[in-house]
Amino acid sequence: EESMPSVAVLTMPEALYVTRPTLANNATIIVS
C-alpha cells in the first residue's frame, strides 16, 4: 500500500469471480 492507493487480494477460487470494477480500481494480487 506504500505505492498503491487501493489493494485487493484474492485466492484462486475468488479470482474466478473477480469483477471488472475490482480490476479497474485496485492493485489486484492473486495468490496461488
PDB file of all heavy atoms in Angstrom:
ATOM      1  N   GLU A   1       0.806  -1.226   0.000  1.00  0.00           N
ATOM      2  CA  GLU A   1       0.000   0.000   0.000  1.00  0.00           C
ATOM      3  C   GLU A   1       0.839   1.276   0.000  1.00  0.00           C
ATOM      4  O   GLU A   1       0.294   2.359  -0.189  1.00  0.00           O
ATOM      5  CB  GLU A   1      -0.937   0.000   1.207  1.00  0.00           C
ATOM      6  CG  GLU A   1      -2.071  -1.022   1.092  1.00  0.00           C
ATOM      7  CD  GLU A   1      -3.005  -0.988   2.279  1.00  0.00           C
ATOM      8  OE1 GLU A   1      -2.569  -0.513   3.355  1.00  0.00           O
ATOM      9  OE2 GLU A   1      -4.157  -1.436   2.142  1.00  0.00           O
ATOM     10  N   GLU A   2       2.151   1.159   0.208  1.00  0.00           N
ATOM     11  CA  GLU A   2       3.002   2.348   0.153  1.00  0.00           C
ATOM     12  C   GLU A   2       2.912   3.032  -1.206  1.00  0.00           C
ATOM     13  O   GLU A   2       2.992   4.257  -1.307  1.00  0.00           O
ATOM     14  CB  GLU A   2       4.467   1.964   0.435  1.00  0.00           C
ATOM     15  CG  GLU A   2       4.844   2.062   1.899  1.00  0.00           C
ATOM     16  CD  GLU A   2       6.351   2.052   2.094  1.00  0.00           C
ATOM     17  OE1 GLU A   2       7.088   2.376   1.143  1.00  0.00           O
ATOM     18  OE2 GLU A   2       6.790   1.721   3.204  1.00  0.00           O
ATOM     19  N   SER A   3       2.785   2.237  -2.255  1.00  0.00           N
ATOM     20  CA  SER A   3       2.751   2.808  -3.604  1.00  0.00           C
ATOM     21  C   SER A   3       1.439   2.536  -4.333  1.00  0.00           C
ATOM     22  O   SER A   3       1.268   2.990  -5.465  1.00  0.00           O
ATOM     23  CB  SER A   3       3.911   2.240  -4.441  1.00  0.00           C
ATOM     24  OG  SER A   3       3.900   0.829  -4.396  1.00  0.00           O
ATOM     25  N   MET A   4       0.523   1.807  -3.687  1.00  0.00           N
ATOM     26  CA  MET A   4      -0.771   1.507  -4.302  1.00  0.00           C
ATOM     27  C   MET A   4      -1.884   2.081  -3.430  1.00  0.00           C
ATOM     28  O   MET A   4      -2.007   1.716  -2.261  1.00  0.00           O
ATOM     29  CB  MET A   4      -0.967  -0.015  -4.419  1.00  0.00           C
ATOM     30  CG  MET A   4       0.157  -0.727  -5.124  1.00  0.00           C
ATOM     31  SD  MET A   4       0.202  -0.356  -6.878  1.00  0.00           S
ATOM     32  CE  MET A   4       1.763  -1.112  -7.301  1.00  0.00           C
ATOM     33  N   PRO A   5      -2.731   2.971  -3.962  1.00  0.00           N
ATOM     34  CA  PRO A   5      -3.778   3.572  -3.132  1.00  0.00           C
ATOM     35  C   PRO A   5      -4.838   2.585  -2.691  1.00  0.00           C
ATOM     36  O   PRO A   5      -5.448   2.744  -1.633  1.00  0.00           O
ATOM     37  CB  PRO A   5      -4.381   4.647  -4.056  1.00  0.00           C
ATOM     38  CG  PRO A   5      -4.038   4.202  -5.436  1.00  0.00           C
ATOM     39  CD  PRO A   5      -2.739   3.501  -5.334  1.00  0.00           C
ATOM     40  N   SER A   6      -5.070   1.542  -3.487  1.00  0.00           N
ATOM     41  CA  SER A   6      -6.100   0.568  -3.144  1.00  0.00           C
ATOM     42  C   SER A   6      -5.638  -0.821  -3.578  1.00  0.00           C
ATOM     43  O   SER A   6      -5.104  -0.985  -4.683  1.00  0.00           O
ATOM     44  CB  SER A   6      -7.420   0.923  -3.825  1.00  0.00           C
ATOM     45  OG  SER A   6      -8.437   0.022  -3.436  1.00  0.00           O
ATOM     46  N   VAL A   7      -5.847  -1.821  -2.704  1.00  0.00           N
ATOM     47  CA  VAL A   7      -5.332  -3.171  -2.955  1.00  0.00           C
ATOM     48  C   VAL A   7      -6.439  -4.192  -2.724  1.00  0.00           C
ATOM     49  O   VAL A   7      -7.181  -4.101  -1.740  1.00  0.00           O
ATOM     50  CB  VAL A   7      -4.133  -3.493  -2.038  1.00  0.00           C
ATOM     51  CG1 VAL A   7      -3.638  -4.920  -2.277  1.00  0.00           C
ATOM     52  CG2 VAL A   7      -3.007  -2.497  -2.251  1.00  0.00           C
ATOM     53  N   ALA A   8      -6.547  -5.161  -3.616  1.00  0.00           N
ATOM     54  CA  ALA A   8      -7.457  -6.296  -3.449  1.00  0.00           C
ATOM     55  C   ALA A   8      -6.635  -7.577  -3.532  1.00  0.00           C
ATOM     56  O   ALA A   8      -5.833  -7.741  -4.461  1.00  0.00           O
ATOM     57  CB  ALA A   8      -8.537  -6.292  -4.526  1.00  0.00           C
ATOM     58  N   VAL A   9      -6.824  -8.464  -2.566  1.00  0.00           N
ATOM     59  CA  VAL A   9      -6.080  -9.724  -2.515  1.00  0.00           C
ATOM     60  C   VAL A   9      -7.065 -10.870  -2.681  1.00  0.00           C
ATOM     61  O   VAL A   9      -8.062 -10.955  -1.946  1.00  0.00           O
ATOM     62  CB  VAL A   9      -5.295  -9.868  -1.201  1.00  0.00           C
ATOM     63  CG1 VAL A   9      -4.522 -11.179  -1.188  1.00  0.00           C
ATOM     64  CG2 VAL A   9      -4.361  -8.678  -1.008  1.00  0.00           C
ATOM     65  N   LEU A  10      -6.806 -11.758  -3.640  1.00  0.00           N
ATOM     66  CA  LEU A  10      -7.736 -12.829  -3.973  1.00  0.00           C
ATOM     67  C   LEU A  10      -7.047 -14.186  -3.954  1.00  0.00           C
ATOM     68  O   LEU A  10      -5.863 -14.306  -4.305  1.00  0.00           O
ATOM     69  CB  LEU A  10      -8.327 -12.611  -5.371  1.00  0.00           C
ATOM     70  CG  LEU A  10      -8.968 -11.255  -5.675  1.00  0.00           C
ATOM     71  CD1 LEU A  10      -9.377 -11.204  -7.138  1.00  0.00           C
ATOM     72  CD2 LEU A  10     -10.153 -11.000  -4.765  1.00  0.00           C
ATOM     73  N   THR A  11      -7.789 -15.200  -3.556  1.00  0.00           N
ATOM     74  CA  THR A  11      -7.347 -16.573  -3.757  1.00  0.00           C
ATOM     75  C   THR A  11      -7.756 -16.988  -5.167  1.00  0.00           C
ATOM     76  O   THR A  11      -8.490 -16.274  -5.859  1.00  0.00           O
ATOM     77  CB  THR A  11      -7.994 -17.513  -2.734  1.00  0.00           C
ATOM     78  OG1 THR A  11      -9.420 -17.481  -2.932  1.00  0.00           O
ATOM     79  CG2 THR A  11      -7.671 -17.088  -1.305  1.00  0.00           C
ATOM     80  N   MET A  12      -7.322 -18.156  -5.594  1.00  0.00           N
ATOM     81  CA  MET A  12      -7.697 -18.612  -6.929  1.00  0.00           C
ATOM     82  C   MET A  12      -9.219 -18.778  -7.079  1.00  0.00           C
ATOM     83  O   MET A  12      -9.805 -18.290  -8.072  1.00  0.00           O
ATOM     84  CB  MET A  12      -6.980 -19.927  -7.256  1.00  0.00           C
ATOM     85  CG  MET A  12      -7.354 -20.496  -8.608  1.00  0.00           C
ATOM     86  SD  MET A  12      -6.875 -19.404  -9.955  1.00  0.00           S
ATOM     87  CE  MET A  12      -5.117 -19.614  -9.886  1.00  0.00           C
ATOM     88  N   PRO A  13      -9.913 -19.428  -6.133  1.00  0.00           N
ATOM     89  CA  PRO A  13     -11.379 -19.525  -6.278  1.00  0.00           C
ATOM     90  C   PRO A  13     -12.048 -18.148  -6.322  1.00  0.00           C
ATOM     91  O   PRO A  13     -13.023 -17.956  -7.063  1.00  0.00           O
ATOM     92  CB  PRO A  13     -11.804 -20.307  -5.030  1.00  0.00           C
ATOM     93  CG  PRO A  13     -10.605 -21.116  -4.675  1.00  0.00           C
ATOM     94  CD  PRO A  13      -9.438 -20.233  -5.001  1.00  0.00           C
ATOM     95  N   GLU A  14     -11.527 -17.183  -5.572  1.00  0.00           N
ATOM     96  CA  GLU A  14     -12.096 -15.831  -5.593  1.00  0.00           C
ATOM     97  C   GLU A  14     -11.820 -15.136  -6.922  1.00  0.00           C
ATOM     98  O   GLU A  14     -12.657 -14.371  -7.425  1.00  0.00           O
ATOM     99  CB  GLU A  14     -11.528 -15.004  -4.439  1.00  0.00           C
ATOM    100  CG  GLU A  14     -11.997 -15.466  -3.060  1.00  0.00           C
ATOM    101  CD  GLU A  14     -11.232 -14.813  -1.928  1.00  0.00           C
ATOM    102  OE1 GLU A  14     -10.098 -14.325  -2.165  1.00  0.00           O
ATOM    103  OE2 GLU A  14     -11.755 -14.813  -0.799  1.00  0.00           O
ATOM    104  N   ALA A  15     -10.646 -15.408  -7.506  1.00  0.00           N
ATOM    105  CA  ALA A  15     -10.287 -14.780  -8.781  1.00  0.00           C
ATOM    106  C   ALA A  15     -11.202 -15.246  -9.907  1.00  0.00           C
ATOM    107  O   ALA A  15     -11.421 -14.512 -10.884  1.00  0.00           O
ATOM    108  CB  ALA A  15      -8.833 -15.088  -9.124  1.00  0.00           C
ATOM    109  N   LEU A  16     -11.773 -16.440  -9.802  1.00  0.00           N
ATOM    110  CA  LEU A  16     -12.685 -16.951 -10.826  1.00  0.00           C
ATOM    111  C   LEU A  16     -13.972 -16.134 -10.893  1.00  0.00           C
ATOM    112  O   LEU A  16     -14.746 -16.269 -11.855  1.00  0.00           O
ATOM    113  CB  LEU A  16     -13.007 -18.428 -10.562  1.00  0.00           C
ATOM    114  CG  LEU A  16     -11.842 -19.414 -10.755  1.00  0.00           C
ATOM    115  CD1 LEU A  16     -12.195 -20.786 -10.197  1.00  0.00           C
ATOM    116  CD2 LEU A  16     -11.458 -19.517 -12.229  1.00  0.00           C
ATOM    117  N   TYR A  17     -14.199 -15.288  -9.883  1.00  0.00           N
ATOM    118  CA  TYR A  17     -15.407 -14.461  -9.844  1.00  0.00           C
ATOM    119  C   TYR A  17     -15.069 -12.962  -9.763  1.00  0.00           C
ATOM    120  O   TYR A  17     -15.900 -12.160  -9.383  1.00  0.00           O
ATOM    121  CB  TYR A  17     -16.269 -14.844  -8.637  1.00  0.00           C
ATOM    122  CG  TYR A  17     -16.797 -16.259  -8.703  1.00  0.00           C
ATOM    123  CD1 TYR A  17     -16.061 -17.314  -8.175  1.00  0.00           C
ATOM    124  CD2 TYR A  17     -18.016 -16.537  -9.307  1.00  0.00           C
ATOM    125  CE1 TYR A  17     -16.541 -18.621  -8.248  1.00  0.00           C
ATOM    126  CE2 TYR A  17     -18.510 -17.834  -9.378  1.00  0.00           C
ATOM    127  CZ  TYR A  17     -17.765 -18.869  -8.851  1.00  0.00           C
ATOM    128  OH  TYR A  17     -18.240 -20.151  -8.925  1.00  0.00           O
ATOM    129  N   VAL A  18     -13.846 -12.589 -10.111  1.00  0.00           N
ATOM    130  CA  VAL A  18     -13.430 -11.202  -9.991  1.00  0.00           C
ATOM    131  C   VAL A  18     -14.252 -10.310 -10.920  1.00  0.00           C
ATOM    132  O   VAL A  18     -14.588 -10.685 -12.056  1.00  0.00           O
ATOM    133  CB  VAL A  18     -11.915 -11.055 -10.294  1.00  0.00           C
ATOM    134  CG1 VAL A  18     -11.603 -11.388 -11.746  1.00  0.00           C
ATOM    135  CG2 VAL A  18     -11.429  -9.658  -9.933  1.00  0.00           C
ATOM    136  N   THR A  19     -14.580  -9.120 -10.433  1.00  0.00           N
ATOM    137  CA  THR A  19     -15.398  -8.194 -11.219  1.00  0.00           C
ATOM    138  C   THR A  19     -14.532  -7.180 -11.953  1.00  0.00           C
ATOM    139  O   THR A  19     -13.372  -6.950 -11.598  1.00  0.00           O
ATOM    140  CB  THR A  19     -16.390  -7.445 -10.315  1.00  0.00           C
ATOM    141  OG1 THR A  19     -15.658  -6.616  -9.406  1.00  0.00           O
ATOM    142  CG2 THR A  19     -17.260  -8.429  -9.540  1.00  0.00           C
ATOM    143  N   ARG A  20     -15.135  -6.559 -12.921  1.00  0.00           N
ATOM    144  CA  ARG A  20     -14.411  -5.553 -13.705  1.00  0.00           C
ATOM    145  C   ARG A  20     -14.035  -4.341 -12.854  1.00  0.00           C
ATOM    146  O   ARG A  20     -12.906  -3.834 -12.954  1.00  0.00           O
ATOM    147  CB  ARG A  20     -15.266  -5.139 -14.901  1.00  0.00           C
ATOM    148  CG  ARG A  20     -14.519  -4.342 -15.950  1.00  0.00           C
ATOM    149  CD  ARG A  20     -15.312  -4.268 -17.235  1.00  0.00           C
ATOM    150  NE  ARG A  20     -14.575  -3.620 -18.295  1.00  0.00           N
ATOM    151  CZ  ARG A  20     -14.968  -3.597 -19.564  1.00  0.00           C
ATOM    152  NH1 ARG A  20     -16.106  -4.212 -19.911  1.00  0.00           N
ATOM    153  NH2 ARG A  20     -14.253  -2.989 -20.488  1.00  0.00           N
ATOM    154  N   PRO A  21     -14.935  -3.822 -11.996  1.00  0.00           N
ATOM    155  CA  PRO A  21     -14.544  -2.685 -11.136  1.00  0.00           C
ATOM    156  C   PRO A  21     -13.385  -3.011 -10.199  1.00  0.00           C
ATOM    157  O   PRO A  21     -12.569  -2.129  -9.895  1.00  0.00           O
ATOM    158  CB  PRO A  21     -15.820  -2.387 -10.353  1.00  0.00           C
ATOM    159  CG  PRO A  21     -16.925  -2.892 -11.220  1.00  0.00           C
ATOM    160  CD  PRO A  21     -16.381  -4.113 -11.881  1.00  0.00           C
ATOM    161  N   THR A  22     -13.319  -4.270  -9.740  1.00  0.00           N
ATOM    162  CA  THR A  22     -12.211  -4.644  -8.854  1.00  0.00           C
ATOM    163  C   THR A  22     -10.875  -4.463  -9.556  1.00  0.00           C
ATOM    164  O   THR A  22      -9.929  -3.879  -9.002  1.00  0.00           O
ATOM    165  CB  THR A  22     -12.363  -6.103  -8.388  1.00  0.00           C
ATOM    166  OG1 THR A  22     -13.561  -6.228  -7.617  1.00  0.00           O
ATOM    167  CG2 THR A  22     -11.169  -6.535  -7.546  1.00  0.00           C
ATOM    168  N   LEU A  23     -10.779  -4.941 -10.794  1.00  0.00           N
ATOM    169  CA  LEU A  23      -9.521  -4.817 -11.539  1.00  0.00           C
ATOM    170  C   LEU A  23      -9.245  -3.369 -11.942  1.00  0.00           C
ATOM    171  O   LEU A  23      -8.086  -2.949 -12.012  1.00  0.00           O
ATOM    172  CB  LEU A  23      -9.568  -5.693 -12.793  1.00  0.00           C
ATOM    173  CG  LEU A  23      -9.661  -7.203 -12.571  1.00  0.00           C
ATOM    174  CD1 LEU A  23      -9.623  -7.935 -13.909  1.00  0.00           C
ATOM    175  CD2 LEU A  23      -8.520  -7.700 -11.682  1.00  0.00           C
ATOM    176  N   ALA A  24     -10.311  -2.600 -12.187  1.00  0.00           N
ATOM    177  CA  ALA A  24     -10.126  -1.223 -12.655  1.00  0.00           C
ATOM    178  C   ALA A  24      -9.696  -0.281 -11.544  1.00  0.00           C
ATOM    179  O   ALA A  24      -8.992   0.709 -11.799  1.00  0.00           O
ATOM    180  CB  ALA A  24     -11.431  -0.720 -13.286  1.00  0.00           C
ATOM    181  N   ASN A  25     -10.061  -0.592 -10.306  1.00  0.00           N
ATOM    182  CA  ASN A  25      -9.840   0.360  -9.209  1.00  0.00           C
ATOM    183  C   ASN A  25      -8.822  -0.097  -8.168  1.00  0.00           C
ATOM    184  O   ASN A  25      -8.572   0.629  -7.209  1.00  0.00           O
ATOM    185  CB  ASN A  25     -11.169   0.638  -8.503  1.00  0.00           C
ATOM    186  CG  ASN A  25     -12.207   1.222  -9.436  1.00  0.00           C
ATOM    187  OD1 ASN A  25     -11.919   2.129 -10.218  1.00  0.00           O
ATOM    188  ND2 ASN A  25     -13.431   0.700  -9.378  1.00  0.00           N
ATOM    189  N   ASN A  26      -8.263  -1.261  -8.335  1.00  0.00           N
ATOM    190  CA  ASN A  26      -7.338  -1.792  -7.329  1.00  0.00           C
ATOM    191  C   ASN A  26      -6.097  -2.397  -7.966  1.00  0.00           C
ATOM    192  O   ASN A  26      -6.119  -2.835  -9.126  1.00  0.00           O
ATOM    193  CB  ASN A  26      -8.014  -2.904  -6.511  1.00  0.00           C
ATOM    194  CG  ASN A  26      -9.227  -2.438  -5.749  1.00  0.00           C
ATOM    195  OD1 ASN A  26      -9.117  -1.892  -4.662  1.00  0.00           O
ATOM    196  ND2 ASN A  26     -10.411  -2.658  -6.324  1.00  0.00           N
ATOM    197  N   ALA A  27      -5.028  -2.412  -7.171  1.00  0.00           N
ATOM    198  CA  ALA A  27      -3.927  -3.316  -7.470  1.00  0.00           C
ATOM    199  C   ALA A  27      -4.409  -4.690  -7.003  1.00  0.00           C
ATOM    200  O   ALA A  27      -4.643  -4.904  -5.822  1.00  0.00           O
ATOM    201  CB  ALA A  27      -2.672  -2.903  -6.721  1.00  0.00           C
ATOM    202  N   THR A  28      -4.611  -5.615  -7.944  1.00  0.00           N
ATOM    203  CA  THR A  28      -5.230  -6.905  -7.630  1.00  0.00           C
ATOM    204  C   THR A  28      -4.160  -7.987  -7.566  1.00  0.00           C
ATOM    205  O   THR A  28      -3.475  -8.254  -8.563  1.00  0.00           O
ATOM    206  CB  THR A  28      -6.278  -7.273  -8.687  1.00  0.00           C
ATOM    207  OG1 THR A  28      -7.230  -6.197  -8.791  1.00  0.00           O
ATOM    208  CG2 THR A  28      -7.001  -8.552  -8.305  1.00  0.00           C
ATOM    209  N   ILE A  29      -4.014  -8.593  -6.395  1.00  0.00           N
ATOM    210  CA  ILE A  29      -2.996  -9.627  -6.180  1.00  0.00           C
ATOM    211  C   ILE A  29      -3.704 -10.972  -6.048  1.00  0.00           C
ATOM    212  O   ILE A  29      -4.542 -11.165  -5.162  1.00  0.00           O
ATOM    213  CB  ILE A  29      -2.171  -9.348  -4.914  1.00  0.00           C
ATOM    214  CG1 ILE A  29      -1.537  -7.954  -4.990  1.00  0.00           C
ATOM    215  CG2 ILE A  29      -1.099 -10.415  -4.726  1.00  0.00           C
ATOM    216  CD1 ILE A  29      -0.819  -7.540  -3.710  1.00  0.00           C
ATOM    217  N   ILE A  30      -3.378 -11.904  -6.937  1.00  0.00           N
ATOM    218  CA  ILE A  30      -3.931 -13.256  -6.895  1.00  0.00           C
ATOM    219  C   ILE A  30      -2.833 -14.182  -6.376  1.00  0.00           C
ATOM    220  O   ILE A  30      -1.777 -14.319  -7.001  1.00  0.00           O
ATOM    221  CB  ILE A  30      -4.400 -13.711  -8.284  1.00  0.00           C
ATOM    222  CG1 ILE A  30      -5.453 -12.731  -8.820  1.00  0.00           C
ATOM    223  CG2 ILE A  30      -4.957 -15.126  -8.228  1.00  0.00           C
ATOM    224  CD1 ILE A  30      -5.819 -12.975 -10.273  1.00  0.00           C
ATOM    225  N   VAL A  31      -3.077 -14.794  -5.221  1.00  0.00           N
ATOM    226  CA  VAL A  31      -2.080 -15.668  -4.591  1.00  0.00           C
ATOM    227  C   VAL A  31      -2.442 -17.116  -4.895  1.00  0.00           C
ATOM    228  O   VAL A  31      -3.568 -17.558  -4.638  1.00  0.00           O
ATOM    229  CB  VAL A  31      -2.025 -15.447  -3.069  1.00  0.00           C
ATOM    230  CG1 VAL A  31      -0.922 -16.304  -2.455  1.00  0.00           C
ATOM    231  CG2 VAL A  31      -1.791 -13.973  -2.751  1.00  0.00           C
ATOM    232  N   SER A  32      -1.483 -17.856  -5.432  1.00  0.00           N
ATOM    233  CA  SER A  32      -1.757 -19.237  -5.822  1.00  0.00           C
ATOM    234  C   SER A  32      -0.457 -20.024  -5.897  1.00  0.00           C
ATOM    235  O   SER A  32       0.642 -19.465  -5.775  1.00  0.00           O
ATOM    236  CB  SER A  32      -2.465 -19.259  -7.182  1.00  0.00           C
ATOM    237  OG  SER A  32      -2.690 -20.588  -7.614  1.00  0.00           O
TER     238      SER A  32
END
